[in-house]
């Protein structure tokens, strides 16, 4: 199993500090030229103009001098959600307060590591969309998203290295979904998997972290990323709306089932198995416990507040998958309106 990677202090981004892990994947990506350079006055074009206006720099626009001493963190004030989640779990109760605090720091590092890995996956998918998006406006917007994702990777990487000095490997479930999206030749599955599911769930997770985490630097970092991710989800919704209508009933069902399976995979990825094993906990038993904790159930349901209405709007919340989403307890979000894009600003961009 992959080991947790610890960074040396005060050596940010020097090559000698860590061994670079390389992995090769092959994809039958089919690209397309578009020789019609007419930029229609539609929402995709306005999103592109807004994306250019909203660019920000990780080094310049975030104040990295802000102080937050992880070593002075407290269980109740700084890690309240994770701490409260395990108040009835005996292996956690058996830990000393010092070890409980250590565990919560590891949980936080694990969560942020998954954000980082997800952003790298988004970077790779967005770069593919530049080639395979059929329309001129789609290609232009995908280019801005590629830069957005590169910035997100940079931001989370620097935060983890400078604040925690620790990074966890990607979870098998998230890796499997990214592999599927990256290696599938159908461009619309890339949009569905990344723009609607992964990006949509990320928005929910980012908002939850922003509400509960004490570090003002991370709050500012995530707020900027939320603005970017909101555009990405909106891009996917508007791009897929008309496309899905052109598909056959069989093709629609195939994509609806893919979207559901992607949601299940993403829902399962929130178990920090590496941390459980570090603490000497039985991973299977801890996962079973996690599934019974009310605050965690609410968190998992909250994550879908942007995904479900997006799937419904593009026509992928079909009769065949509705009961499956009902079992997940997330259909309550189907009419939720949470478009964070400022369309008045986009109009004037």
C-alpha atoms as a PDB file:
ATOM      1  CA  UNK A   1       0.000   0.000   0.000  1.00  0.00           C
ATOM      2  CA  UNK A   2       1.185   3.524  -0.706  1.00  0.00           C
ATOM      3  CA  UNK A   3       2.740   5.272   2.249  1.00  0.00           C
ATOM      4  CA  UNK A   4       1.887   8.672   3.633  1.00  0.00           C
ATOM      5  CA  UNK A   5       4.335  11.216   2.259  1.00  0.00           C
ATOM      6  CA  UNK A   6       5.925  13.596   4.759  1.00  0.00           C
ATOM      7  CA  UNK A   7       7.569  16.758   3.429  1.00  0.00           C
ATOM      8  CA  UNK A   8      10.651  18.313   4.958  1.00  0.00           C
ATOM      9  CA  UNK A   9       9.951  21.721   6.520  1.00  0.00           C
ATOM     10  CA  UNK A  10      10.954  24.960   4.813  1.00  0.00           C
ATOM     11  CA  UNK A  11      11.756  23.229   1.540  1.00  0.00           C
ATOM     12  CA  UNK A  12       8.654  23.979  -0.534  1.00  0.00           C
ATOM     13  CA  UNK A  13       8.784  22.580  -4.071  1.00  0.00           C
ATOM     14  CA  UNK A  14      12.449  21.571  -4.171  1.00  0.00           C
ATOM     15  CA  UNK A  15      12.946  18.448  -6.271  1.00  0.00           C
ATOM     16  CA  UNK A  16      15.358  16.723  -3.903  1.00  0.00           C
ATOM     17  CA  UNK A  17      12.800  16.595  -1.083  1.00  0.00           C
ATOM     18  CA  UNK A  18      10.500  13.999  -2.524  1.00  0.00           C
ATOM     19  CA  UNK A  19      10.419  11.240  -5.097  1.00  0.00           C
ATOM     20  CA  UNK A  20       8.140  12.046  -7.987  1.00  0.00           C
ATOM     21  CA  UNK A  21       5.588   9.325  -8.669  1.00  0.00           C
ATOM     22  CA  UNK A  22       4.782   8.822 -12.353  1.00  0.00           C
ATOM     23  CA  UNK A  23       1.952   6.824 -13.822  1.00  0.00           C
ATOM     24  CA  UNK A  24       1.097   6.385 -17.483  1.00  0.00           C
ATOM     25  CA  UNK A  25      -2.439   6.056 -18.814  1.00  0.00           C
ATOM     26  CA  UNK A  26      -3.566   5.594 -22.406  1.00  0.00           C
ATOM     27  CA  UNK A  27      -6.698   7.135 -23.872  1.00  0.00           C
ATOM     28  CA  UNK A  28      -8.487   6.787 -27.229  1.00  0.00           C
ATOM     29  CA  UNK A  29      -9.360  10.498 -27.128  1.00  0.00           C
ATOM     30  CA  UNK A  30     -10.954  11.755 -30.316  1.00  0.00           C
ATOM     31  CA  UNK A  31     -10.260  15.442 -30.851  1.00  0.00           C
ATOM     32  CA  UNK A  32     -11.900  17.837 -33.258  1.00  0.00           C
ATOM     33  CA  UNK A  33     -11.096  21.063 -35.058  1.00  0.00           C
ATOM     34  CA  UNK A  34     -13.737  23.756 -35.246  1.00  0.00           C
ATOM     35  CA  UNK A  35     -13.192  26.197 -38.107  1.00  0.00           C
ATOM     36  CA  UNK A  36     -16.188  28.383 -37.278  1.00  0.00           C
ATOM     37  CA  UNK A  37     -14.782  31.128 -35.061  1.00  0.00           C
ATOM     38  CA  UNK A  38     -18.090  32.909 -34.579  1.00  0.00           C
ATOM     39  CA  UNK A  39     -18.574  33.436 -30.846  1.00  0.00           C
ATOM     40  CA  UNK A  40     -22.323  33.373 -30.369  1.00  0.00           C
ATOM     41  CA  UNK A  41     -23.702  35.559 -27.570  1.00  0.00           C
ATOM     42  CA  UNK A  42     -24.664  32.628 -25.378  1.00  0.00           C
ATOM     43  CA  UNK A  43     -23.995  31.586 -21.797  1.00  0.00           C
ATOM     44  CA  UNK A  44     -20.862  29.624 -22.652  1.00  0.00           C
ATOM     45  CA  UNK A  45     -19.316  32.725 -24.202  1.00  0.00           C
ATOM     46  CA  UNK A  46     -20.314  34.817 -21.187  1.00  0.00           C
ATOM     47  CA  UNK A  47     -18.803  32.208 -18.861  1.00  0.00           C
ATOM     48  CA  UNK A  48     -15.590  32.397 -20.880  1.00  0.00           C
ATOM     49  CA  UNK A  49     -15.505  36.187 -20.571  1.00  0.00           C
ATOM     50  CA  UNK A  50     -16.209  35.943 -16.839  1.00  0.00           C
ATOM     51  CA  UNK A  51     -13.490  33.318 -16.404  1.00  0.00           C
ATOM     52  CA  UNK A  52     -10.924  35.668 -17.952  1.00  0.00           C
ATOM     53  CA  UNK A  53     -12.066  38.447 -15.623  1.00  0.00           C
ATOM     54  CA  UNK A  54     -11.954  36.251 -12.513  1.00  0.00           C
ATOM     55  CA  UNK A  55      -8.401  34.873 -12.839  1.00  0.00           C
ATOM     56  CA  UNK A  56      -6.345  34.993  -9.639  1.00  0.00           C
ATOM     57  CA  UNK A  57      -2.783  34.172  -8.635  1.00  0.00           C
ATOM     58  CA  UNK A  58      -1.997  31.714  -5.832  1.00  0.00           C
ATOM     59  CA  UNK A  59       1.128  33.573  -4.750  1.00  0.00           C
ATOM     60  CA  UNK A  60      -0.181  37.130  -5.095  1.00  0.00           C
ATOM     61  CA  UNK A  61      -3.887  36.998  -4.217  1.00  0.00           C
ATOM     62  CA  UNK A  62      -3.602  34.838  -1.101  1.00  0.00           C
ATOM     63  CA  UNK A  63      -1.860  36.081   2.032  1.00  0.00           C
ATOM     64  CA  UNK A  64       0.429  33.198   2.954  1.00  0.00           C
ATOM     65  CA  UNK A  65       1.818  35.166   5.894  1.00  0.00           C
ATOM     66  CA  UNK A  66      -1.391  34.614   7.864  1.00  0.00           C
ATOM     67  CA  UNK A  67      -0.591  32.732  11.042  1.00  0.00           C
ATOM     68  CA  UNK A  68      -2.336  29.577  12.182  1.00  0.00           C
ATOM     69  CA  UNK A  69      -0.361  27.239  14.400  1.00  0.00           C
ATOM     70  CA  UNK A  70      -1.529  23.679  13.845  1.00  0.00           C
ATOM     71  CA  UNK A  71       0.355  22.630  16.960  1.00  0.00           C
ATOM     72  CA  UNK A  72      -1.901  24.873  19.060  1.00  0.00           C
ATOM     73  CA  UNK A  73      -5.116  23.482  17.589  1.00  0.00           C
ATOM     74  CA  UNK A  74      -7.768  22.220  19.993  1.00  0.00           C
ATOM     75  CA  UNK A  75     -10.204  19.361  19.552  1.00  0.00           C
ATOM     76  CA  UNK A  76     -13.408  21.187  20.403  1.00  0.00           C
ATOM     77  CA  UNK A  77     -12.700  24.497  18.649  1.00  0.00           C
ATOM     78  CA  UNK A  78     -10.632  23.500  15.620  1.00  0.00           C
ATOM     79  CA  UNK A  79     -11.785  20.018  14.712  1.00  0.00           C
ATOM     80  CA  UNK A  80     -15.328  20.007  16.051  1.00  0.00           C
ATOM     81  CA  UNK A  81     -17.017  18.034  13.239  1.00  0.00           C
ATOM     82  CA  UNK A  82     -14.576  15.111  13.080  1.00  0.00           C
ATOM     83  CA  UNK A  83     -14.175  15.128  16.857  1.00  0.00           C
ATOM     84  CA  UNK A  84     -17.935  14.979  17.427  1.00  0.00           C
ATOM     85  CA  UNK A  85     -18.297  12.218  14.834  1.00  0.00           C
ATOM     86  CA  UNK A  86     -16.303   9.781  16.948  1.00  0.00           C
ATOM     87  CA  UNK A  87     -17.574  10.636  20.417  1.00  0.00           C
ATOM     88  CA  UNK A  88     -19.444   7.313  20.576  1.00  0.00           C
ATOM     89  CA  UNK A  89     -16.717   5.204  18.944  1.00  0.00           C
ATOM     90  CA  UNK A  90     -14.818   3.210  21.553  1.00  0.00           C
ATOM     91  CA  UNK A  91     -11.446   3.001  19.731  1.00  0.00           C
ATOM     92  CA  UNK A  92     -11.467   6.803  19.566  1.00  0.00           C
ATOM     93  CA  UNK A  93     -12.535   7.187  23.186  1.00  0.00           C
ATOM     94  CA  UNK A  94      -9.643   4.929  24.204  1.00  0.00           C
ATOM     95  CA  UNK A  95      -7.146   7.442  22.797  1.00  0.00           C
ATOM     96  CA  UNK A  96      -5.525  10.082  24.976  1.00  0.00           C
ATOM     97  CA  UNK A  97      -6.457  13.699  24.226  1.00  0.00           C
ATOM     98  CA  UNK A  98      -3.049  14.129  22.619  1.00  0.00           C
ATOM     99  CA  UNK A  99      -3.654  11.172  20.297  1.00  0.00           C
ATOM    100  CA  UNK A 100      -7.184  12.347  19.524  1.00  0.00           C
ATOM    101  CA  UNK A 101      -5.739  15.657  18.386  1.00  0.00           C
ATOM    102  CA  UNK A 102      -3.112  13.834  16.342  1.00  0.00           C
ATOM    103  CA  UNK A 103      -5.868  11.768  14.708  1.00  0.00           C
ATOM    104  CA  UNK A 104      -7.871  14.864  13.782  1.00  0.00           C
ATOM    105  CA  UNK A 105      -4.824  16.475  12.184  1.00  0.00           C
ATOM    106  CA  UNK A 106      -4.349  13.329  10.120  1.00  0.00           C
ATOM    107  CA  UNK A 107      -8.012  13.308   9.097  1.00  0.00           C
ATOM    108  CA  UNK A 108      -7.682  16.931   7.962  1.00  0.00           C
ATOM    109  CA  UNK A 109      -4.511  16.191   5.968  1.00  0.00           C
ATOM    110  CA  UNK A 110      -6.192  13.167   4.378  1.00  0.00           C
ATOM    111  CA  UNK A 111      -9.235  15.221   3.300  1.00  0.00           C
ATOM    112  CA  UNK A 112      -7.128  18.004   1.801  1.00  0.00           C
ATOM    113  CA  UNK A 113      -4.973  15.413   0.031  1.00  0.00           C
ATOM    114  CA  UNK A 114      -8.058  14.032  -1.715  1.00  0.00           C
ATOM    115  CA  UNK A 115      -8.985  17.570  -2.786  1.00  0.00           C
ATOM    116  CA  UNK A 116      -5.512  17.962  -4.261  1.00  0.00           C
ATOM    117  CA  UNK A 117      -5.626  14.655  -6.145  1.00  0.00           C
ATOM    118  CA  UNK A 118      -9.119  15.413  -7.438  1.00  0.00           C
ATOM    119  CA  UNK A 119      -7.905  18.763  -8.763  1.00  0.00           C
ATOM    120  CA  UNK A 120      -5.075  17.065 -10.657  1.00  0.00           C
ATOM    121  CA  UNK A 121      -7.635  14.728 -12.207  1.00  0.00           C
ATOM    122  CA  UNK A 122      -9.767  17.742 -13.123  1.00  0.00           C
ATOM    123  CA  UNK A 123      -6.709  19.384 -14.704  1.00  0.00           C
ATOM    124  CA  UNK A 124      -6.118  16.367 -16.936  1.00  0.00           C
ATOM    125  CA  UNK A 125      -9.792  16.061 -17.933  1.00  0.00           C
ATOM    126  CA  UNK A 126     -10.116  19.797 -18.663  1.00  0.00           C
ATOM    127  CA  UNK A 127      -7.087  19.597 -20.953  1.00  0.00           C
ATOM    128  CA  UNK A 128      -8.839  16.788 -22.850  1.00  0.00           C
ATOM    129  CA  UNK A 129     -11.987  18.893 -23.202  1.00  0.00           C
ATOM    130  CA  UNK A 130      -9.993  21.509 -25.104  1.00  0.00           C
ATOM    131  CA  UNK A 131      -9.517  18.904 -27.832  1.00  0.00           C
ATOM    132  CA  UNK A 132     -12.797  17.022 -27.768  1.00  0.00           C
ATOM    133  CA  UNK A 133     -15.386  19.734 -27.006  1.00  0.00           C
ATOM    134  CA  UNK A 134     -17.185  20.114 -30.355  1.00  0.00           C
ATOM    135  CA  UNK A 135     -17.856  23.859 -30.347  1.00  0.00           C
ATOM    136  CA  UNK A 136     -15.589  26.878 -30.557  1.00  0.00           C
ATOM    137  CA  UNK A 137     -16.916  28.432 -27.341  1.00  0.00           C
ATOM    138  CA  UNK A 138     -16.596  25.103 -25.561  1.00  0.00           C
ATOM    139  CA  UNK A 139     -12.923  24.824 -26.475  1.00  0.00           C
ATOM    140  CA  UNK A 140     -12.213  28.366 -25.297  1.00  0.00           C
ATOM    141  CA  UNK A 141     -13.930  27.846 -21.973  1.00  0.00           C
ATOM    142  CA  UNK A 142     -12.231  24.467 -21.433  1.00  0.00           C
ATOM    143  CA  UNK A 143      -8.898  26.283 -21.843  1.00  0.00           C
ATOM    144  CA  UNK A 144      -9.747  28.664 -18.996  1.00  0.00           C
ATOM    145  CA  UNK A 145     -10.876  25.733 -16.864  1.00  0.00           C
ATOM    146  CA  UNK A 146      -7.566  23.977 -17.480  1.00  0.00           C
ATOM    147  CA  UNK A 147      -5.765  27.002 -16.070  1.00  0.00           C
ATOM    148  CA  UNK A 148      -8.218  27.153 -13.157  1.00  0.00           C
ATOM    149  CA  UNK A 149      -7.486  23.526 -12.274  1.00  0.00           C
ATOM    150  CA  UNK A 150      -3.728  24.062 -12.498  1.00  0.00           C
ATOM    151  CA  UNK A 151      -4.110  26.932 -10.032  1.00  0.00           C
ATOM    152  CA  UNK A 152      -6.170  24.730  -7.692  1.00  0.00           C
ATOM    153  CA  UNK A 153      -3.491  22.031  -7.745  1.00  0.00           C
ATOM    154  CA  UNK A 154      -0.863  24.651  -6.959  1.00  0.00           C
ATOM    155  CA  UNK A 155      -2.918  26.111  -4.111  1.00  0.00           C
ATOM    156  CA  UNK A 156      -3.788  22.848  -2.327  1.00  0.00           C
ATOM    157  CA  UNK A 157      -0.263  21.519  -2.823  1.00  0.00           C
ATOM    158  CA  UNK A 158       1.334  24.577  -1.250  1.00  0.00           C
ATOM    159  CA  UNK A 159      -1.187  24.624   1.599  1.00  0.00           C
ATOM    160  CA  UNK A 160      -0.586  20.969   2.457  1.00  0.00           C
ATOM    161  CA  UNK A 161       3.176  21.303   2.303  1.00  0.00           C
ATOM    162  CA  UNK A 162       3.428  24.514   4.296  1.00  0.00           C
ATOM    163  CA  UNK A 163       0.659  23.891   6.853  1.00  0.00           C
ATOM    164  CA  UNK A 164       0.744  20.109   7.383  1.00  0.00           C
ATOM    165  CA  UNK A 165       3.921  18.777   5.787  1.00  0.00           C
ATOM    166  CA  UNK A 166       1.988  15.568   5.106  1.00  0.00           C
ATOM    167  CA  UNK A 167       0.173  14.142   2.102  1.00  0.00           C
ATOM    168  CA  UNK A 168      -1.902  10.974   1.675  1.00  0.00           C
ATOM    169  CA  UNK A 169      -2.280   8.916  -1.513  1.00  0.00           C
ATOM    170  CA  UNK A 170      -5.411   9.091  -3.639  1.00  0.00           C
ATOM    171  CA  UNK A 171      -8.227   6.732  -2.619  1.00  0.00           C
ATOM    172  CA  UNK A 172      -8.810   3.736  -4.943  1.00  0.00           C
ATOM    173  CA  UNK A 173     -12.421   4.797  -5.577  1.00  0.00           C
ATOM    174  CA  UNK A 174     -11.541   8.326  -6.685  1.00  0.00           C
ATOM    175  CA  UNK A 175      -8.640   6.988  -8.776  1.00  0.00           C
ATOM    176  CA  UNK A 176     -10.922   4.453 -10.509  1.00  0.00           C
ATOM    177  CA  UNK A 177     -13.456   7.143 -11.427  1.00  0.00           C
ATOM    178  CA  UNK A 178     -10.786   9.496 -12.762  1.00  0.00           C
ATOM    179  CA  UNK A 179      -9.316   6.642 -14.805  1.00  0.00           C
ATOM    180  CA  UNK A 180     -12.734   5.915 -16.297  1.00  0.00           C
ATOM    181  CA  UNK A 181     -13.341   9.546 -17.221  1.00  0.00           C
ATOM    182  CA  UNK A 182      -9.872  10.060 -18.653  1.00  0.00           C
ATOM    183  CA  UNK A 183      -9.807   6.879 -20.738  1.00  0.00           C
ATOM    184  CA  UNK A 184     -13.365   6.903 -22.113  1.00  0.00           C
ATOM    185  CA  UNK A 185     -13.470   8.109 -25.704  1.00  0.00           C
ATOM    186  CA  UNK A 186     -16.908   9.729 -25.386  1.00  0.00           C
ATOM    187  CA  UNK A 187     -16.568  13.452 -24.752  1.00  0.00           C
ATOM    188  CA  UNK A 188     -19.971  13.770 -23.077  1.00  0.00           C
ATOM    189  CA  UNK A 189     -19.059  11.200 -20.391  1.00  0.00           C
ATOM    190  CA  UNK A 190     -16.097  13.401 -19.534  1.00  0.00           C
ATOM    191  CA  UNK A 191     -18.497  16.321 -19.063  1.00  0.00           C
ATOM    192  CA  UNK A 192     -20.919  14.245 -16.998  1.00  0.00           C
ATOM    193  CA  UNK A 193     -18.277  12.642 -14.788  1.00  0.00           C
ATOM    194  CA  UNK A 194     -16.164  15.729 -14.198  1.00  0.00           C
ATOM    195  CA  UNK A 195     -18.348  18.826 -14.623  1.00  0.00           C
ATOM    196  CA  UNK A 196     -21.533  17.489 -13.029  1.00  0.00           C
ATOM    197  CA  UNK A 197     -20.466  14.796 -10.549  1.00  0.00           C
ATOM    198  CA  UNK A 198     -16.896  15.406  -9.340  1.00  0.00           C
ATOM    199  CA  UNK A 199     -17.019  19.206  -9.560  1.00  0.00           C
ATOM    200  CA  UNK A 200     -20.553  19.309  -8.154  1.00  0.00           C
ATOM    201  CA  UNK A 201     -19.645  17.172  -5.149  1.00  0.00           C
ATOM    202  CA  UNK A 202     -16.459  19.162  -4.645  1.00  0.00           C
ATOM    203  CA  UNK A 203     -18.529  22.336  -4.312  1.00  0.00           C
ATOM    204  CA  UNK A 204     -20.489  20.792  -1.458  1.00  0.00           C
ATOM    205  CA  UNK A 205     -17.344  19.508   0.268  1.00  0.00           C
ATOM    206  CA  UNK A 206     -15.564  22.847  -0.085  1.00  0.00           C
ATOM    207  CA  UNK A 207     -18.487  24.723   1.426  1.00  0.00           C
ATOM    208  CA  UNK A 208     -18.634  22.325   4.374  1.00  0.00           C
ATOM    209  CA  UNK A 209     -14.893  22.710   5.039  1.00  0.00           C
ATOM    210  CA  UNK A 210     -15.155  26.469   4.704  1.00  0.00           C
ATOM    211  CA  UNK A 211     -17.885  26.599   7.347  1.00  0.00           C
ATOM    212  CA  UNK A 212     -16.060  24.415   9.866  1.00  0.00           C
ATOM    213  CA  UNK A 213     -12.310  24.910   9.475  1.00  0.00           C
ATOM    214  CA  UNK A 214     -10.565  27.537  11.635  1.00  0.00           C
ATOM    215  CA  UNK A 215      -7.690  28.609   9.340  1.00  0.00           C
ATOM    216  CA  UNK A 216      -8.570  31.915   7.642  1.00  0.00           C
ATOM    217  CA  UNK A 217      -6.038  31.221   4.875  1.00  0.00           C
ATOM    218  CA  UNK A 218      -7.815  27.998   3.914  1.00  0.00           C
ATOM    219  CA  UNK A 219     -11.191  29.772   4.022  1.00  0.00           C
ATOM    220  CA  UNK A 220      -9.921  32.402   1.567  1.00  0.00           C
ATOM    221  CA  UNK A 221      -8.300  29.788  -0.656  1.00  0.00           C
ATOM    222  CA  UNK A 222     -11.459  27.707  -0.841  1.00  0.00           C
ATOM    223  CA  UNK A 223     -13.690  30.745  -1.461  1.00  0.00           C
ATOM    224  CA  UNK A 224     -11.682  31.552  -4.579  1.00  0.00           C
ATOM    225  CA  UNK A 225     -11.827  27.935  -5.719  1.00  0.00           C
ATOM    226  CA  UNK A 226     -15.600  27.819  -5.144  1.00  0.00           C
ATOM    227  CA  UNK A 227     -16.043  30.745  -7.553  1.00  0.00           C
ATOM    228  CA  UNK A 228     -14.093  28.831 -10.194  1.00  0.00           C
ATOM    229  CA  UNK A 229     -15.847  25.508  -9.587  1.00  0.00           C
ATOM    230  CA  UNK A 230     -19.287  27.124  -9.805  1.00  0.00           C
ATOM    231  CA  UNK A 231     -18.471  28.236 -13.340  1.00  0.00           C
ATOM    232  CA  UNK A 232     -17.225  24.748 -14.199  1.00  0.00           C
ATOM    233  CA  UNK A 233     -20.469  23.080 -13.112  1.00  0.00           C
ATOM    234  CA  UNK A 234     -22.534  25.706 -14.930  1.00  0.00           C
ATOM    235  CA  UNK A 235     -20.426  25.127 -18.057  1.00  0.00           C
ATOM    236  CA  UNK A 236     -21.217  21.410 -17.945  1.00  0.00           C
ATOM    237  CA  UNK A 237     -24.936  21.950 -17.400  1.00  0.00           C
ATOM    238  CA  UNK A 238     -25.383  24.413 -20.260  1.00  0.00           C
ATOM    239  CA  UNK A 239     -23.181  22.399 -22.593  1.00  0.00           C
ATOM    240  CA  UNK A 240     -25.030  19.130 -21.954  1.00  0.00           C
ATOM    241  CA  UNK A 241     -28.628  20.384 -21.928  1.00  0.00           C
ATOM    242  CA  UNK A 242     -29.141  20.380 -25.687  1.00  0.00           C
ATOM    243  CA  UNK A 243     -26.750  17.507 -26.341  1.00  0.00           C
ATOM    244  CA  UNK A 244     -28.621  15.009 -24.152  1.00  0.00           C
ATOM    245  CA  UNK A 245     -31.863  15.828 -25.979  1.00  0.00           C
ATOM    246  CA  UNK A 246     -30.236  14.644 -29.209  1.00  0.00           C
ATOM    247  CA  UNK A 247     -29.388  11.184 -27.823  1.00  0.00           C
ATOM    248  CA  UNK A 248     -31.442   8.027 -28.167  1.00  0.00           C
ATOM    249  CA  UNK A 249     -33.343   6.674 -25.165  1.00  0.00           C
ATOM    250  CA  UNK A 250     -30.770   3.897 -24.818  1.00  0.00           C
ATOM    251  CA  UNK A 251     -27.871   6.362 -24.888  1.00  0.00           C
ATOM    252  CA  UNK A 252     -29.561   8.547 -22.266  1.00  0.00           C
ATOM    253  CA  UNK A 253     -30.085   5.584 -19.948  1.00  0.00           C
ATOM    254  CA  UNK A 254     -26.457   4.550 -20.395  1.00  0.00           C
ATOM    255  CA  UNK A 255     -25.267   7.995 -19.346  1.00  0.00           C
ATOM    256  CA  UNK A 256     -27.776   8.246 -16.490  1.00  0.00           C
ATOM    257  CA  UNK A 257     -26.500   4.943 -15.107  1.00  0.00           C
ATOM    258  CA  UNK A 258     -22.903   6.156 -15.441  1.00  0.00           C
ATOM    259  CA  UNK A 259     -23.767   9.332 -13.525  1.00  0.00           C
ATOM    260  CA  UNK A 260     -25.385   7.292 -10.743  1.00  0.00           C
ATOM    261  CA  UNK A 261     -22.422   4.918 -10.465  1.00  0.00           C
ATOM    262  CA  UNK A 262     -20.045   7.883 -10.390  1.00  0.00           C
ATOM    263  CA  UNK A 263     -22.047   9.373  -7.506  1.00  0.00           C
ATOM    264  CA  UNK A 264     -21.887   6.099  -5.561  1.00  0.00           C
ATOM    265  CA  UNK A 265     -18.126   5.897  -6.054  1.00  0.00           C
ATOM    266  CA  UNK A 266     -17.653   9.478  -4.887  1.00  0.00           C
ATOM    267  CA  UNK A 267     -19.883   8.886  -1.873  1.00  0.00           C
ATOM    268  CA  UNK A 268     -17.730   5.908  -0.851  1.00  0.00           C
ATOM    269  CA  UNK A 269     -14.451   7.784  -1.126  1.00  0.00           C
ATOM    270  CA  UNK A 270     -14.931   9.676   2.162  1.00  0.00           C
ATOM    271  CA  UNK A 271     -13.557   6.890   4.348  1.00  0.00           C
ATOM    272  CA  UNK A 272     -10.012   7.708   5.507  1.00  0.00           C
ATOM    273  CA  UNK A 273      -8.825   4.102   5.569  1.00  0.00           C
ATOM    274  CA  UNK A 274      -5.140   5.043   5.722  1.00  0.00           C
ATOM    275  CA  UNK A 275      -5.784   7.052   8.896  1.00  0.00           C
ATOM    276  CA  UNK A 276      -7.831   4.227  10.429  1.00  0.00           C
ATOM    277  CA  UNK A 277      -4.934   1.848   9.837  1.00  0.00           C
ATOM    278  CA  UNK A 278      -2.395   4.302  11.276  1.00  0.00           C
ATOM    279  CA  UNK A 279      -4.455   4.423  14.455  1.00  0.00           C
ATOM    280  CA  UNK A 280      -4.703   0.650  14.601  1.00  0.00           C
ATOM    281  CA  UNK A 281      -8.454   0.633  14.000  1.00  0.00           C
ATOM    282  CA  UNK A 282     -10.235  -2.085  12.069  1.00  0.00           C
ATOM    283  CA  UNK A 283     -11.084  -0.364   8.771  1.00  0.00           C
ATOM    284  CA  UNK A 284     -14.197  -2.416   8.045  1.00  0.00           C
ATOM    285  CA  UNK A 285     -15.651  -1.869  11.495  1.00  0.00           C
ATOM    286  CA  UNK A 286     -14.855   1.864  11.401  1.00  0.00           C
ATOM    287  CA  UNK A 287     -16.572   2.248   8.022  1.00  0.00           C
ATOM    288  CA  UNK A 288     -19.652   0.515   9.432  1.00  0.00           C
ATOM    289  CA  UNK A 289     -19.584   2.930  12.362  1.00  0.00           C
ATOM    290  CA  UNK A 290     -19.167   5.935  10.055  1.00  0.00           C
ATOM    291  CA  UNK A 291     -22.315   4.938   8.175  1.00  0.00           C
ATOM    292  CA  UNK A 292     -24.352   5.195  11.405  1.00  0.00           C
ATOM    293  CA  UNK A 293     -23.205   8.684  12.448  1.00  0.00           C
ATOM    294  CA  UNK A 294     -25.927  11.284  11.891  1.00  0.00           C
ATOM    295  CA  UNK A 295     -23.582  14.199  11.293  1.00  0.00           C
ATOM    296  CA  UNK A 296     -21.764  12.214   8.612  1.00  0.00           C
ATOM    297  CA  UNK A 297     -25.031  11.203   6.929  1.00  0.00           C
ATOM    298  CA  UNK A 298     -26.063  14.851   6.769  1.00  0.00           C
ATOM    299  CA  UNK A 299     -22.655  15.759   5.357  1.00  0.00           C
ATOM    300  CA  UNK A 300     -22.886  13.119   2.616  1.00  0.00           C
ATOM    301  CA  UNK A 301     -26.393  14.270   1.694  1.00  0.00           C
ATOM    302  CA  UNK A 302     -25.327  17.934   1.711  1.00  0.00           C
ATOM    303  CA  UNK A 303     -22.639  17.164  -0.870  1.00  0.00           C
ATOM    304  CA  UNK A 304     -25.271  16.374  -3.503  1.00  0.00           C
ATOM    305  CA  UNK A 305     -27.074  19.729  -3.391  1.00  0.00           C
ATOM    306  CA  UNK A 306     -25.517  20.817  -6.692  1.00  0.00           C
ATOM    307  CA  UNK A 307     -25.209  17.404  -8.388  1.00  0.00           C
ATOM    308  CA  UNK A 308     -28.843  16.274  -8.306  1.00  0.00           C
ATOM    309  CA  UNK A 309     -30.428  19.455  -9.763  1.00  0.00           C
ATOM    310  CA  UNK A 310     -27.730  19.475 -12.465  1.00  0.00           C
ATOM    311  CA  UNK A 311     -28.498  15.881 -13.468  1.00  0.00           C
ATOM    312  CA  UNK A 312     -32.214  16.681 -13.523  1.00  0.00           C
ATOM    313  CA  UNK A 313     -31.721  19.782 -15.645  1.00  0.00           C
ATOM    314  CA  UNK A 314     -29.736  17.973 -18.342  1.00  0.00           C
ATOM    315  CA  UNK A 315     -32.191  15.046 -18.428  1.00  0.00           C
ATOM    316  CA  UNK A 316     -30.160  12.363 -16.646  1.00  0.00           C
ATOM    317  CA  UNK A 317     -32.359  11.939 -13.575  1.00  0.00           C
ATOM    318  CA  UNK A 318     -34.368   9.289 -15.405  1.00  0.00           C
ATOM    319  CA  UNK A 319     -37.086   7.001 -14.053  1.00  0.00           C
ATOM    320  CA  UNK A 320     -34.617   4.111 -13.928  1.00  0.00           C
ATOM    321  CA  UNK A 321     -32.105   5.873 -11.652  1.00  0.00           C
ATOM    322  CA  UNK A 322     -34.479   7.942  -9.518  1.00  0.00           C
ATOM    323  CA  UNK A 323     -35.180   5.067  -7.078  1.00  0.00           C
ATOM    324  CA  UNK A 324     -31.430   4.486  -6.733  1.00  0.00           C
ATOM    325  CA  UNK A 325     -30.816   8.123  -5.832  1.00  0.00           C
ATOM    326  CA  UNK A 326     -33.791   7.917  -3.460  1.00  0.00           C
ATOM    327  CA  UNK A 327     -31.997   5.112  -1.605  1.00  0.00           C
ATOM    328  CA  UNK A 328     -29.003   7.418  -1.222  1.00  0.00           C
ATOM    329  CA  UNK A 329     -31.305   9.984   0.413  1.00  0.00           C
ATOM    330  CA  UNK A 330     -30.363  12.814  -1.973  1.00  0.00           C
ATOM    331  CA  UNK A 331     -33.448  13.354  -4.150  1.00  0.00           C
ATOM    332  CA  UNK A 332     -34.550  16.134  -1.810  1.00  0.00           C
ATOM    333  CA  UNK A 333     -32.084  18.364  -3.681  1.00  0.00           C
ATOM    334  CA  UNK A 334     -33.603  17.873  -7.147  1.00  0.00           C
ATOM    335  CA  UNK A 335     -35.293  21.292  -7.200  1.00  0.00           C
ATOM    336  CA  UNK A 336     -32.582  23.109  -5.294  1.00  0.00           C
ATOM    337  CA  UNK A 337     -31.352  26.265  -7.044  1.00  0.00           C
ATOM    338  CA  UNK A 338     -27.762  27.057  -6.148  1.00  0.00           C
ATOM    339  CA  UNK A 339     -26.220  28.666  -9.217  1.00  0.00           C
ATOM    340  CA  UNK A 340     -23.337  30.640  -7.726  1.00  0.00           C
ATOM    341  CA  UNK A 341     -22.448  32.312 -11.019  1.00  0.00           C
ATOM    342  CA  UNK A 342     -23.107  36.065 -11.049  1.00  0.00           C
ATOM    343  CA  UNK A 343     -24.785  36.324 -14.456  1.00  0.00           C
ATOM    344  CA  UNK A 344     -25.013  40.126 -14.204  1.00  0.00           C
ATOM    345  CA  UNK A 345     -21.250  40.252 -13.917  1.00  0.00           C
ATOM    346  CA  UNK A 346     -20.966  37.708 -16.722  1.00  0.00           C
ATOM    347  CA  UNK A 347     -23.180  39.869 -18.924  1.00  0.00           C
ATOM    348  CA  UNK A 348     -20.869  42.846 -18.436  1.00  0.00           C
ATOM    349  CA  UNK A 349     -17.639  40.865 -18.685  1.00  0.00           C
END
